[in-house]
Amino acid sequence: MTEKTDIFVFGSNLAGRHGAGAALYALKKHGAVLFQGEGLQGRSYGIPTKDHQIRTLHLDNIRKHVEEFKEFARLHDDLTFYVTPIGCGLAGYKREQIRPMFEDMPCNCRFAETWDDADG
């Protein structure tokens, strides 16, 4: 990743409490903003997988947020998005439940290497 145009995409909660996992990494290394739960934040982009009370969102709700992200990425083709396995850590979903949501992602999006890690 280069620092100017590469965006780290992470699973977030709607409260914007970036306290663990990829969200904490985004906060410390990629400019994520505390209490902003969704969207572009510095050199990162949060896709909600948990609600304001830090409860896991239903897959249909996550899919809606993924669709919003993909539309954002299409409109910002000057940026490259590195998509982490959102929802596959603290939210508890399996990669095979989440990855199909990204099948039609724009060409300026890439899966992060962590998608190849074994499911826990």
PDB file of N, CA and C in Angstrom:
ATOM      1  N   MET A   1       0.837  -1.190   0.000  1.00  0.00           N
ATOM      2  CA  MET A   1       0.000   0.000   0.000  1.00  0.00           C
ATOM      3  C   MET A   1       0.879   1.251   0.000  1.00  0.00           C
ATOM      4  N   THR A   2       0.512   2.203  -0.840  1.00  0.00           N
ATOM      5  CA  THR A   2       1.168   3.500  -0.790  1.00  0.00           C
ATOM      6  C   THR A   2       0.288   4.418   0.043  1.00  0.00           C
ATOM      7  N   GLU A   3       0.887   5.392   0.672  1.00  0.00           N
ATOM      8  CA  GLU A   3       0.144   6.177   1.648  1.00  0.00           C
ATOM      9  C   GLU A   3      -0.822   7.187   1.045  1.00  0.00           C
ATOM     10  N   LYS A   4      -0.609   7.655  -0.180  1.00  0.00           N
ATOM     11  CA  LYS A   4      -1.421   8.746  -0.715  1.00  0.00           C
ATOM     12  C   LYS A   4      -2.790   8.304  -1.198  1.00  0.00           C
ATOM     13  N   THR A   5      -2.879   7.167  -1.886  1.00  0.00           N
ATOM     14  CA  THR A   5      -4.143   6.820  -2.517  1.00  0.00           C
ATOM     15  C   THR A   5      -4.724   5.501  -2.025  1.00  0.00           C
ATOM     16  N   ASP A   6      -4.026   4.762  -1.183  1.00  0.00           N
ATOM     17  CA  ASP A   6      -4.515   3.468  -0.732  1.00  0.00           C
ATOM     18  C   ASP A   6      -5.345   3.614   0.534  1.00  0.00           C
ATOM     19  N   ILE A   7      -6.496   2.975   0.516  1.00  0.00           N
ATOM     20  CA  ILE A   7      -7.454   3.078   1.612  1.00  0.00           C
ATOM     21  C   ILE A   7      -7.638   1.705   2.244  1.00  0.00           C
ATOM     22  N   PHE A   8      -7.472   1.630   3.551  1.00  0.00           N
ATOM     23  CA  PHE A   8      -7.628   0.413   4.344  1.00  0.00           C
ATOM     24  C   PHE A   8      -9.104   0.277   4.724  1.00  0.00           C
ATOM     25  N   VAL A   9      -9.761  -0.771   4.259  1.00  0.00           N
ATOM     26  CA  VAL A   9     -11.194  -0.965   4.499  1.00  0.00           C
ATOM     27  C   VAL A   9     -11.365  -1.971   5.637  1.00  0.00           C
ATOM     28  N   PHE A  10     -12.093  -1.559   6.672  1.00  0.00           N
ATOM     29  CA  PHE A  10     -12.209  -2.376   7.886  1.00  0.00           C
ATOM     30  C   PHE A  10     -13.660  -2.474   8.355  1.00  0.00           C
ATOM     31  N   GLY A  11     -13.936  -3.504   9.131  1.00  0.00           N
ATOM     32  CA  GLY A  11     -15.243  -3.651   9.761  1.00  0.00           C
ATOM     33  C   GLY A  11     -15.324  -2.758  10.978  1.00  0.00           C
ATOM     34  N   SER A  12     -16.429  -2.052  11.095  1.00  0.00           N
ATOM     35  CA  SER A  12     -16.605  -1.062  12.151  1.00  0.00           C
ATOM     36  C   SER A  12     -17.908  -1.312  12.901  1.00  0.00           C
ATOM     37  N   ASN A  13     -18.128  -0.494  13.901  1.00  0.00           N
ATOM     38  CA  ASN A  13     -19.439  -0.454  14.552  1.00  0.00           C
ATOM     39  C   ASN A  13     -19.980   0.944  14.368  1.00  0.00           C
ATOM     40  N   LEU A  14     -21.291   1.071  14.372  1.00  0.00           N
ATOM     41  CA  LEU A  14     -21.922   2.359  14.093  1.00  0.00           C
ATOM     42  C   LEU A  14     -21.607   3.428  15.139  1.00  0.00           C
ATOM     43  N   ALA A  15     -21.142   3.007  16.321  1.00  0.00           N
ATOM     44  CA  ALA A  15     -20.749   3.969  17.348  1.00  0.00           C
ATOM     45  C   ALA A  15     -19.361   4.546  17.086  1.00  0.00           C
ATOM     46  N   GLY A  16     -18.602   3.922  16.182  1.00  0.00           N
ATOM     47  CA  GLY A  16     -17.261   4.401  15.886  1.00  0.00           C
ATOM     48  C   GLY A  16     -16.263   4.165  17.006  1.00  0.00           C
ATOM     49  N   ARG A  17     -16.492   3.136  17.777  1.00  0.00           N
ATOM     50  CA  ARG A  17     -15.541   2.756  18.837  1.00  0.00           C
ATOM     51  C   ARG A  17     -14.544   1.770  18.236  1.00  0.00           C
ATOM     52  N   HIS A  18     -13.430   2.278  17.790  1.00  0.00           N
ATOM     53  CA  HIS A  18     -12.429   1.471  17.098  1.00  0.00           C
ATOM     54  C   HIS A  18     -11.454   0.880  18.117  1.00  0.00           C
ATOM     55  N   GLY A  19     -11.936  -0.083  18.909  1.00  0.00           N
ATOM     56  CA  GLY A  19     -11.160  -0.558  20.048  1.00  0.00           C
ATOM     57  C   GLY A  19     -10.433  -1.867  19.878  1.00  0.00           C
ATOM     58  N   ALA A  20     -10.649  -2.578  18.780  1.00  0.00           N
ATOM     59  CA  ALA A  20     -10.010  -3.889  18.633  1.00  0.00           C
ATOM     60  C   ALA A  20      -9.907  -4.258  17.160  1.00  0.00           C
ATOM     61  N   GLY A  21      -9.102  -5.253  16.886  1.00  0.00           N
ATOM     62  CA  GLY A  21      -8.987  -5.822  15.548  1.00  0.00           C
ATOM     63  C   GLY A  21      -8.561  -4.819  14.495  1.00  0.00           C
ATOM     64  N   ALA A  22      -9.101  -5.004  13.279  1.00  0.00           N
ATOM     65  CA  ALA A  22      -8.752  -4.143  12.160  1.00  0.00           C
ATOM     66  C   ALA A  22      -9.168  -2.694  12.411  1.00  0.00           C
ATOM     67  N   ALA A  23     -10.240  -2.487  13.177  1.00  0.00           N
ATOM     68  CA  ALA A  23     -10.681  -1.122  13.472  1.00  0.00           C
ATOM     69  C   ALA A  23      -9.637  -0.374  14.308  1.00  0.00           C
ATOM     70  N   LEU A  24      -9.057  -1.043  15.284  1.00  0.00           N
ATOM     71  CA  LEU A  24      -8.011  -0.422  16.096  1.00  0.00           C
ATOM     72  C   LEU A  24      -6.775  -0.138  15.238  1.00  0.00           C
ATOM     73  N   TYR A  25      -6.439  -1.072  14.361  1.00  0.00           N
ATOM     74  CA  TYR A  25      -5.322  -0.872  13.445  1.00  0.00           C
ATOM     75  C   TYR A  25      -5.591   0.334  12.541  1.00  0.00           C
ATOM     76  N   ALA A  26      -6.824   0.454  12.047  1.00  0.00           N
ATOM     77  CA  ALA A  26      -7.190   1.602  11.210  1.00  0.00           C
ATOM     78  C   ALA A  26      -7.061   2.907  11.992  1.00  0.00           C
ATOM     79  N   LEU A  27      -7.450   2.887  13.250  1.00  0.00           N
ATOM     80  CA  LEU A  27      -7.344   4.069  14.104  1.00  0.00           C
ATOM     81  C   LEU A  27      -5.878   4.467  14.296  1.00  0.00           C
ATOM     82  N   LYS A  28      -5.039   3.486  14.590  1.00  0.00           N
ATOM     83  CA  LYS A  28      -3.640   3.774  14.899  1.00  0.00           C
ATOM     84  C   LYS A  28      -2.791   4.068  13.663  1.00  0.00           C
ATOM     85  N   LYS A  29      -3.098   3.423  12.537  1.00  0.00           N
ATOM     86  CA  LYS A  29      -2.192   3.486  11.390  1.00  0.00           C
ATOM     87  C   LYS A  29      -2.761   4.150  10.143  1.00  0.00           C
ATOM     88  N   HIS A  30      -4.101   4.288  10.061  1.00  0.00           N
ATOM     89  CA  HIS A  30      -4.682   4.761   8.803  1.00  0.00           C
ATOM     90  C   HIS A  30      -5.674   5.911   8.971  1.00  0.00           C
ATOM     91  N   GLY A  31      -5.643   6.582  10.097  1.00  0.00           N
ATOM     92  CA  GLY A  31      -6.434   7.794  10.251  1.00  0.00           C
ATOM     93  C   GLY A  31      -7.912   7.612  10.529  1.00  0.00           C
ATOM     94  N   ALA A  32      -8.340   6.408  10.951  1.00  0.00           N
ATOM     95  CA  ALA A  32      -9.746   6.241  11.329  1.00  0.00           C
ATOM     96  C   ALA A  32     -10.085   7.223  12.449  1.00  0.00           C
ATOM     97  N   VAL A  33     -11.319   7.662  12.468  1.00  0.00           N
ATOM     98  CA  VAL A  33     -11.763   8.699  13.394  1.00  0.00           C
ATOM     99  C   VAL A  33     -12.661   8.083  14.465  1.00  0.00           C
ATOM    100  N   LEU A  34     -12.283   8.295  15.732  1.00  0.00           N
ATOM    101  CA  LEU A  34     -13.129   7.815  16.820  1.00  0.00           C
ATOM    102  C   LEU A  34     -14.526   8.396  16.701  1.00  0.00           C
ATOM    103  N   PHE A  35     -15.511   7.593  16.961  1.00  0.00           N
ATOM    104  CA  PHE A  35     -16.933   7.949  16.960  1.00  0.00           C
ATOM    105  C   PHE A  35     -17.490   8.192  15.557  1.00  0.00           C
ATOM    106  N   GLN A  36     -16.724   7.881  14.521  1.00  0.00           N
ATOM    107  CA  GLN A  36     -17.261   7.848  13.150  1.00  0.00           C
ATOM    108  C   GLN A  36     -17.307   6.380  12.753  1.00  0.00           C
ATOM    109  N   GLY A  37     -18.490   5.857  12.616  1.00  0.00           N
ATOM    110  CA  GLY A  37     -18.641   4.432  12.400  1.00  0.00           C
ATOM    111  C   GLY A  37     -18.668   3.970  10.962  1.00  0.00           C
ATOM    112  N   GLU A  38     -18.741   4.894  10.023  1.00  0.00           N
ATOM    113  CA  GLU A  38     -18.907   4.486   8.636  1.00  0.00           C
ATOM    114  C   GLU A  38     -18.256   5.498   7.705  1.00  0.00           C
ATOM    115  N   GLY A  39     -17.765   4.994   6.593  1.00  0.00           N
ATOM    116  CA  GLY A  39     -17.278   5.865   5.540  1.00  0.00           C
ATOM    117  C   GLY A  39     -15.795   6.156   5.600  1.00  0.00           C
ATOM    118  N   LEU A  40     -15.383   7.087   4.741  1.00  0.00           N
ATOM    119  CA  LEU A  40     -13.989   7.464   4.603  1.00  0.00           C
ATOM    120  C   LEU A  40     -13.526   8.207   5.845  1.00  0.00           C
ATOM    121  N   GLN A  41     -12.378   7.780   6.351  1.00  0.00           N
ATOM    122  CA  GLN A  41     -11.790   8.368   7.564  1.00  0.00           C
ATOM    123  C   GLN A  41     -10.280   8.354   7.380  1.00  0.00           C
ATOM    124  N   GLY A  42      -9.689   9.476   7.062  1.00  0.00           N
ATOM    125  CA  GLY A  42      -8.254   9.497   6.793  1.00  0.00           C
ATOM    126  C   GLY A  42      -7.953   8.599   5.601  1.00  0.00           C
ATOM    127  N   ARG A  43      -7.040   7.633   5.782  1.00  0.00           N
ATOM    128  CA  ARG A  43      -6.714   6.658   4.747  1.00  0.00           C
ATOM    129  C   ARG A  43      -7.382   5.323   5.062  1.00  0.00           C
ATOM    130  N   SER A  44      -8.600   5.386   5.581  1.00  0.00           N
ATOM    131  CA  SER A  44      -9.358   4.173   5.882  1.00  0.00           C
ATOM    132  C   SER A  44     -10.832   4.395   5.555  1.00  0.00           C
ATOM    133  N   TYR A  45     -11.560   3.272   5.483  1.00  0.00           N
ATOM    134  CA  TYR A  45     -12.997   3.320   5.218  1.00  0.00           C
ATOM    135  C   TYR A  45     -13.643   2.262   6.104  1.00  0.00           C
ATOM    136  N   GLY A  46     -14.598   2.681   6.941  1.00  0.00           N
ATOM    137  CA  GLY A  46     -15.297   1.768   7.837  1.00  0.00           C
ATOM    138  C   GLY A  46     -16.596   1.264   7.240  1.00  0.00           C
ATOM    139  N   ILE A  47     -16.765  -0.063   7.264  1.00  0.00           N
ATOM    140  CA  ILE A  47     -18.018  -0.697   6.857  1.00  0.00           C
ATOM    141  C   ILE A  47     -18.627  -1.302   8.116  1.00  0.00           C
ATOM    142  N   PRO A  48     -19.785  -0.808   8.561  1.00  0.00           N
ATOM    143  CA  PRO A  48     -20.372  -1.317   9.794  1.00  0.00           C
ATOM    144  C   PRO A  48     -20.737  -2.805   9.726  1.00  0.00           C
ATOM    145  N   THR A  49     -20.322  -3.516  10.762  1.00  0.00           N
ATOM    146  CA  THR A  49     -20.716  -4.911  10.962  1.00  0.00           C
ATOM    147  C   THR A  49     -21.375  -5.084  12.328  1.00  0.00           C
ATOM    148  N   LYS A  50     -21.363  -3.999  13.112  1.00  0.00           N
ATOM    149  CA  LYS A  50     -22.020  -3.986  14.425  1.00  0.00           C
ATOM    150  C   LYS A  50     -22.794  -2.684  14.575  1.00  0.00           C
ATOM    151  N   ASP A  51     -23.791  -2.695  15.443  1.00  0.00           N
ATOM    152  CA  ASP A  51     -24.637  -1.515  15.625  1.00  0.00           C
ATOM    153  C   ASP A  51     -24.045  -0.546  16.660  1.00  0.00           C
ATOM    154  N   HIS A  52     -24.821   0.447  17.069  1.00  0.00           N
ATOM    155  CA  HIS A  52     -24.373   1.437  18.055  1.00  0.00           C
ATOM    156  C   HIS A  52     -24.114   0.813  19.430  1.00  0.00           C
ATOM    157  N   GLN A  53     -24.796  -0.272  19.733  1.00  0.00           N
ATOM    158  CA  GLN A  53     -24.607  -0.955  21.013  1.00  0.00           C
ATOM    159  C   GLN A  53     -23.585  -2.103  20.902  1.00  0.00           C
ATOM    160  N   ILE A  54     -22.878  -2.139  19.788  1.00  0.00           N
ATOM    161  CA  ILE A  54     -21.813  -3.119  19.508  1.00  0.00           C
ATOM    162  C   ILE A  54     -22.381  -4.536  19.398  1.00  0.00           C
ATOM    163  N   ARG A  55     -23.617  -4.639  18.930  1.00  0.00           N
ATOM    164  CA  ARG A  55     -24.220  -5.942  18.624  1.00  0.00           C
ATOM    165  C   ARG A  55     -24.037  -6.208  17.142  1.00  0.00           C
ATOM    166  N   THR A  56     -23.775  -7.452  16.805  1.00  0.00           N
ATOM    167  CA  THR A  56     -23.544  -7.833  15.417  1.00  0.00           C
ATOM    168  C   THR A  56     -24.771  -7.552  14.560  1.00  0.00           C
ATOM    169  N   LEU A  57     -24.543  -6.914  13.421  1.00  0.00           N
ATOM    170  CA  LEU A  57     -25.623  -6.643  12.471  1.00  0.00           C
ATOM    171  C   LEU A  57     -25.985  -7.924  11.713  1.00  0.00           C
ATOM    172  N   HIS A  58     -27.228  -8.005  11.281  1.00  0.00           N
ATOM    173  CA  HIS A  58     -27.680  -9.101  10.426  1.00  0.00           C
ATOM    174  C   HIS A  58     -26.967  -8.986   9.077  1.00  0.00           C
ATOM    175  N   LEU A  59     -26.755 -10.099   8.417  1.00  0.00           N
ATOM    176  CA  LEU A  59     -26.071 -10.109   7.127  1.00  0.00           C
ATOM    177  C   LEU A  59     -26.724  -9.170   6.107  1.00  0.00           C
ATOM    178  N   ASP A  60     -28.050  -9.062   6.118  1.00  0.00           N
ATOM    179  CA  ASP A  60     -28.736  -8.162   5.184  1.00  0.00           C
ATOM    180  C   ASP A  60     -28.335  -6.702   5.415  1.00  0.00           C
ATOM    181  N   ASN A  61     -28.154  -6.328   6.681  1.00  0.00           N
ATOM    182  CA  ASN A  61     -27.729  -4.961   6.993  1.00  0.00           C
ATOM    183  C   ASN A  61     -26.284  -4.724   6.580  1.00  0.00           C
ATOM    184  N   ILE A  62     -25.431  -5.713   6.814  1.00  0.00           N
ATOM    185  CA  ILE A  62     -24.035  -5.593   6.387  1.00  0.00           C
ATOM    186  C   ILE A  62     -23.983  -5.466   4.867  1.00  0.00           C
ATOM    187  N   ARG A  63     -24.783  -6.260   4.177  1.00  0.00           N
ATOM    188  CA  ARG A  63     -24.822  -6.203   2.703  1.00  0.00           C
ATOM    189  C   ARG A  63     -25.167  -4.794   2.225  1.00  0.00           C
ATOM    190  N   LYS A  64     -26.107  -4.138   2.887  1.00  0.00           N
ATOM    191  CA  LYS A  64     -26.480  -2.763   2.527  1.00  0.00           C
ATOM    192  C   LYS A  64     -25.273  -1.828   2.667  1.00  0.00           C
ATOM    193  N   HIS A  65     -24.525  -1.969   3.739  1.00  0.00           N
ATOM    194  CA  HIS A  65     -23.338  -1.130   3.949  1.00  0.00           C
ATOM    195  C   HIS A  65     -22.246  -1.451   2.931  1.00  0.00           C
ATOM    196  N   VAL A  66     -22.114  -2.718   2.557  1.00  0.00           N
ATOM    197  CA  VAL A  66     -21.135  -3.104   1.539  1.00  0.00           C
ATOM    198  C   VAL A  66     -21.521  -2.481   0.197  1.00  0.00           C
ATOM    199  N   GLU A  67     -22.811  -2.490  -0.137  1.00  0.00           N
ATOM    200  CA  GLU A  67     -23.260  -1.868  -1.381  1.00  0.00           C
ATOM    201  C   GLU A  67     -22.939  -0.378  -1.398  1.00  0.00           C
ATOM    202  N   GLU A  68     -23.132   0.294  -0.263  1.00  0.00           N
ATOM    203  CA  GLU A  68     -22.800   1.715  -0.166  1.00  0.00           C
ATOM    204  C   GLU A  68     -21.299   1.927  -0.356  1.00  0.00           C
ATOM    205  N   PHE A  69     -20.493   1.044   0.232  1.00  0.00           N
ATOM    206  CA  PHE A  69     -19.043   1.131   0.049  1.00  0.00           C
ATOM    207  C   PHE A  69     -18.677   0.964  -1.424  1.00  0.00           C
ATOM    208  N   LYS A  70     -19.238  -0.038  -2.096  1.00  0.00           N
ATOM    209  CA  LYS A  70     -18.894  -0.278  -3.492  1.00  0.00           C
ATOM    210  C   LYS A  70     -19.269   0.922  -4.365  1.00  0.00           C
ATOM    211  N   GLU A  71     -20.388   1.547  -4.086  1.00  0.00           N
ATOM    212  CA  GLU A  71     -20.776   2.744  -4.839  1.00  0.00           C
ATOM    213  C   GLU A  71     -19.777   3.871  -4.578  1.00  0.00           C
ATOM    214  N   PHE A  72     -19.358   4.041  -3.338  1.00  0.00           N
ATOM    215  CA  PHE A  72     -18.351   5.045  -3.004  1.00  0.00           C
ATOM    216  C   PHE A  72     -17.060   4.772  -3.776  1.00  0.00           C
ATOM    217  N   ALA A  73     -16.634   3.515  -3.792  1.00  0.00           N
ATOM    218  CA  ALA A  73     -15.397   3.148  -4.498  1.00  0.00           C
ATOM    219  C   ALA A  73     -15.518   3.433  -5.995  1.00  0.00           C
ATOM    220  N   ARG A  74     -16.687   3.150  -6.572  1.00  0.00           N
ATOM    221  CA  ARG A  74     -16.892   3.434  -8.000  1.00  0.00           C
ATOM    222  C   ARG A  74     -16.753   4.927  -8.298  1.00  0.00           C
ATOM    223  N   LEU A  75     -17.218   5.750  -7.379  1.00  0.00           N
ATOM    224  CA  LEU A  75     -17.169   7.200  -7.569  1.00  0.00           C
ATOM    225  C   LEU A  75     -15.791   7.783  -7.286  1.00  0.00           C
ATOM    226  N   HIS A  76     -14.910   6.976  -6.683  1.00  0.00           N
ATOM    227  CA  HIS A  76     -13.571   7.449  -6.312  1.00  0.00           C
ATOM    228  C   HIS A  76     -12.516   6.523  -6.908  1.00  0.00           C
ATOM    229  N   ASP A  77     -12.496   6.479  -8.234  1.00  0.00           N
ATOM    230  CA  ASP A  77     -11.584   5.555  -8.905  1.00  0.00           C
ATOM    231  C   ASP A  77     -10.130   6.006  -8.849  1.00  0.00           C
ATOM    232  N   ASP A  78      -9.868   7.163  -8.256  1.00  0.00           N
ATOM    233  CA  ASP A  78      -8.495   7.607  -8.023  1.00  0.00           C
ATOM    234  C   ASP A  78      -7.896   6.971  -6.772  1.00  0.00           C
ATOM    235  N   LEU A  79      -8.716   6.271  -6.002  1.00  0.00           N
ATOM    236  CA  LEU A  79      -8.264   5.601  -4.786  1.00  0.00           C
ATOM    237  C   LEU A  79      -8.242   4.095  -5.009  1.00  0.00           C
ATOM    238  N   THR A  80      -7.381   3.410  -4.266  1.00  0.00           N
ATOM    239  CA  THR A  80      -7.350   1.952  -4.265  1.00  0.00           C
ATOM    240  C   THR A  80      -7.756   1.484  -2.874  1.00  0.00           C
ATOM    241  N   PHE A  81      -8.715   0.586  -2.807  1.00  0.00           N
ATOM    242  CA  PHE A  81      -9.266   0.112  -1.540  1.00  0.00           C
ATOM    243  C   PHE A  81      -8.792  -1.311  -1.260  1.00  0.00           C
ATOM    244  N   TYR A  82      -8.193  -1.509  -0.088  1.00  0.00           N
ATOM    245  CA  TYR A  82      -7.755  -2.828   0.364  1.00  0.00           C
ATOM    246  C   TYR A  82      -8.763  -3.326   1.388  1.00  0.00           C
ATOM    247  N   VAL A  83      -9.580  -4.281   0.971  1.00  0.00           N
ATOM    248  CA  VAL A  83     -10.716  -4.750   1.762  1.00  0.00           C
ATOM    249  C   VAL A  83     -10.298  -5.906   2.667  1.00  0.00           C
ATOM    250  N   THR A  84     -10.374  -5.677   3.968  1.00  0.00           N
ATOM    251  CA  THR A  84     -10.100  -6.730   4.946  1.00  0.00           C
ATOM    252  C   THR A  84     -11.340  -7.610   5.102  1.00  0.00           C
ATOM    253  N   PRO A  85     -11.214  -8.775   5.721  1.00  0.00           N
ATOM    254  CA  PRO A  85     -12.381  -9.652   5.905  1.00  0.00           C
ATOM    255  C   PRO A  85     -13.327  -9.116   6.985  1.00  0.00           C
ATOM    256  N   ILE A  86     -14.075  -8.089   6.612  1.00  0.00           N
ATOM    257  CA  ILE A  86     -14.996  -7.439   7.554  1.00  0.00           C
ATOM    258  C   ILE A  86     -16.002  -8.455   8.086  1.00  0.00           C
ATOM    259  N   GLY A  87     -16.357  -8.304   9.335  1.00  0.00           N
ATOM    260  CA  GLY A  87     -17.371  -9.169   9.931  1.00  0.00           C
ATOM    261  C   GLY A  87     -16.889 -10.560  10.291  1.00  0.00           C
ATOM    262  N   CYS A  88     -15.633 -10.865  10.009  1.00  0.00           N
ATOM    263  CA  CYS A  88     -15.109 -12.220  10.209  1.00  0.00           C
ATOM    264  C   CYS A  88     -14.242 -12.342  11.460  1.00  0.00           C
ATOM    265  N   GLY A  89     -14.211 -11.293  12.242  1.00  0.00           N
ATOM    266  CA  GLY A  89     -13.473 -11.321  13.495  1.00  0.00           C
ATOM    267  C   GLY A  89     -14.463 -11.280  14.646  1.00  0.00           C
ATOM    268  N   LEU A  90     -14.550 -10.129  15.278  1.00  0.00           N
ATOM    269  CA  LEU A  90     -15.411  -9.968  16.452  1.00  0.00           C
ATOM    270  C   LEU A  90     -16.895 -10.107  16.134  1.00  0.00           C
ATOM    271  N   ALA A  91     -17.302  -9.812  14.908  1.00  0.00           N
ATOM    272  CA  ALA A  91     -18.717  -9.944  14.532  1.00  0.00           C
ATOM    273  C   ALA A  91     -19.119 -11.416  14.369  1.00  0.00           C
ATOM    274  N   GLY A  92     -18.145 -12.293  14.144  1.00  0.00           N
ATOM    275  CA  GLY A  92     -18.403 -13.725  14.189  1.00  0.00           C
ATOM    276  C   GLY A  92     -18.842 -14.420  12.915  1.00  0.00           C
ATOM    277  N   TYR A  93     -18.882 -13.715  11.789  1.00  0.00           N
ATOM    278  CA  TYR A  93     -19.280 -14.370  10.549  1.00  0.00           C
ATOM    279  C   TYR A  93     -18.087 -15.091   9.914  1.00  0.00           C
ATOM    280  N   LYS A  94     -18.383 -16.014   9.036  1.00  0.00           N
ATOM    281  CA  LYS A  94     -17.359 -16.746   8.285  1.00  0.00           C
ATOM    282  C   LYS A  94     -17.103 -16.027   6.973  1.00  0.00           C
ATOM    283  N   ARG A  95     -15.915 -16.201   6.449  1.00  0.00           N
ATOM    284  CA  ARG A  95     -15.555 -15.553   5.188  1.00  0.00           C
ATOM    285  C   ARG A  95     -16.514 -15.929   4.067  1.00  0.00           C
ATOM    286  N   GLU A  96     -16.958 -17.179   4.038  1.00  0.00           N
ATOM    287  CA  GLU A  96     -17.869 -17.593   2.963  1.00  0.00           C
ATOM    288  C   GLU A  96     -19.239 -16.913   3.066  1.00  0.00           C
ATOM    289  N   GLN A  97     -19.563 -16.315   4.218  1.00  0.00           N
ATOM    290  CA  GLN A  97     -20.798 -15.557   4.358  1.00  0.00           C
ATOM    291  C   GLN A  97     -20.638 -14.114   3.881  1.00  0.00           C
ATOM    292  N   ILE A  98     -19.425 -13.583   3.970  1.00  0.00           N
ATOM    293  CA  ILE A  98     -19.171 -12.172   3.672  1.00  0.00           C
ATOM    294  C   ILE A  98     -18.596 -11.963   2.273  1.00  0.00           C
ATOM    295  N   ARG A  99     -17.667 -12.792   1.880  1.00  0.00           N
ATOM    296  CA  ARG A  99     -16.953 -12.570   0.613  1.00  0.00           C
ATOM    297  C   ARG A  99     -17.875 -12.417  -0.602  1.00  0.00           C
ATOM    298  N   PRO A 100     -18.961 -13.195  -0.724  1.00  0.00           N
ATOM    299  CA  PRO A 100     -19.840 -13.015  -1.895  1.00  0.00           C
ATOM    300  C   PRO A 100     -20.433 -11.606  -2.021  1.00  0.00           C
ATOM    301  N   MET A 101     -20.505 -10.864  -0.931  1.00  0.00           N
ATOM    302  CA  MET A 101     -21.017  -9.492  -0.993  1.00  0.00           C
ATOM    303  C   MET A 101     -20.117  -8.595  -1.842  1.00  0.00           C
ATOM    304  N   PHE A 102     -18.859  -9.002  -2.019  1.00  0.00           N
ATOM    305  CA  PHE A 102     -17.875  -8.196  -2.736  1.00  0.00           C
ATOM    306  C   PHE A 102     -17.616  -8.697  -4.151  1.00  0.00           C
ATOM    307  N   GLU A 103     -18.384  -9.682  -4.627  1.00  0.00           N
ATOM    308  CA  GLU A 103     -18.112 -10.283  -5.935  1.00  0.00           C
ATOM    309  C   GLU A 103     -18.063  -9.273  -7.069  1.00  0.00           C
ATOM    310  N   ASP A 104     -18.894  -8.269  -7.030  1.00  0.00           N
ATOM    311  CA  ASP A 104     -18.933  -7.280  -8.108  1.00  0.00           C
ATOM    312  C   ASP A 104     -18.275  -5.961  -7.704  1.00  0.00           C
ATOM    313  N   MET A 105     -17.264  -6.047  -6.846  1.00  0.00           N
ATOM    314  CA  MET A 105     -16.626  -4.805  -6.411  1.00  0.00           C
ATOM    315  C   MET A 105     -15.848  -4.185  -7.572  1.00  0.00           C
ATOM    316  N   PRO A 106     -15.712  -2.868  -7.566  1.00  0.00           N
ATOM    317  CA  PRO A 106     -15.022  -2.178  -8.656  1.00  0.00           C
ATOM    318  C   PRO A 106     -13.563  -2.616  -8.775  1.00  0.00           C
ATOM    319  N   CYS A 107     -12.973  -2.329  -9.924  1.00  0.00           N
ATOM    320  CA  CYS A 107     -11.596  -2.770 -10.186  1.00  0.00           C
ATOM    321  C   CYS A 107     -10.570  -2.040  -9.336  1.00  0.00           C
ATOM    322  N   ASN A 108     -10.939  -0.950  -8.663  1.00  0.00           N
ATOM    323  CA  ASN A 108     -10.003  -0.268  -7.769  1.00  0.00           C
ATOM    324  C   ASN A 108     -10.056  -0.812  -6.342  1.00  0.00           C
ATOM    325  N   CYS A 109     -10.700  -1.961  -6.166  1.00  0.00           N
ATOM    326  CA  CYS A 109     -10.765  -2.635  -4.867  1.00  0.00           C
ATOM    327  C   CYS A 109      -9.996  -3.945  -4.951  1.00  0.00           C
ATOM    328  N   ARG A 110      -9.301  -4.267  -3.874  1.00  0.00           N
ATOM    329  CA  ARG A 110      -8.538  -5.510  -3.775  1.00  0.00           C
ATOM    330  C   ARG A 110      -8.814  -6.142  -2.425  1.00  0.00           C
ATOM    331  N   PHE A 111      -8.831  -7.470  -2.402  1.00  0.00           N
ATOM    332  CA  PHE A 111      -8.921  -8.162  -1.126  1.00  0.00           C
ATOM    333  C   PHE A 111      -7.563  -8.126  -0.443  1.00  0.00           C
ATOM    334  N   ALA A 112      -7.550  -7.808   0.833  1.00  0.00           N
ATOM    335  CA  ALA A 112      -6.321  -7.868   1.619  1.00  0.00           C
ATOM    336  C   ALA A 112      -5.884  -9.321   1.753  1.00  0.00           C
ATOM    337  N   GLU A 113      -4.609  -9.530   1.983  1.00  0.00           N
ATOM    338  CA  GLU A 113      -4.061 -10.876   2.111  1.00  0.00           C
ATOM    339  C   GLU A 113      -4.737 -11.664   3.234  1.00  0.00           C
ATOM    340  N   THR A 114      -5.273 -10.986   4.219  1.00  0.00           N
ATOM    341  CA  THR A 114      -5.889 -11.665   5.363  1.00  0.00           C
ATOM    342  C   THR A 114      -7.137 -12.461   4.995  1.00  0.00           C
ATOM    343  N   TRP A 115      -7.684 -12.264   3.782  1.00  0.00           N
ATOM    344  CA  TRP A 115      -8.813 -13.091   3.343  1.00  0.00           C
ATOM    345  C   TRP A 115      -8.379 -14.543   3.185  1.00  0.00           C
ATOM    346  N   ASP A 116      -7.080 -14.765   2.969  1.00  0.00           N
ATOM    347  CA  ASP A 116      -6.579 -16.119   2.768  1.00  0.00           C
ATOM    348  C   ASP A 116      -6.268 -16.838   4.069  1.00  0.00           C
ATOM    349  N   ASP A 117      -6.322 -16.125   5.203  1.00  0.00           N
ATOM    350  CA  ASP A 117      -6.097 -16.764   6.499  1.00  0.00           C
ATOM    351  C   ASP A 117      -7.214 -17.773   6.751  1.00  0.00           C
ATOM    352  N   ALA A 118      -6.898 -18.814   7.500  1.00  0.00           N
ATOM    353  CA  ALA A 118      -7.919 -19.819   7.845  1.00  0.00           C
ATOM    354  C   ALA A 118      -8.973 -19.208   8.754  1.00  0.00           C
ATOM    355  N   ASP A 119     -10.211 -19.621   8.572  1.00  0.00           N
ATOM    356  CA  ASP A 119     -11.290 -19.193   9.469  1.00  0.00           C
ATOM    357  C   ASP A 119     -11.034 -19.773  10.843  1.00  0.00           C
ATOM    358  N   GLY A 120     -11.379 -18.970  11.865  1.00  0.00           N
ATOM    359  CA  GLY A 120     -11.183 -19.417  13.244  1.00  0.00           C
ATOM    360  C   GLY A 120     -12.342 -20.170  13.778  1.00  0.00           C
TER     361      GLY A 120
END
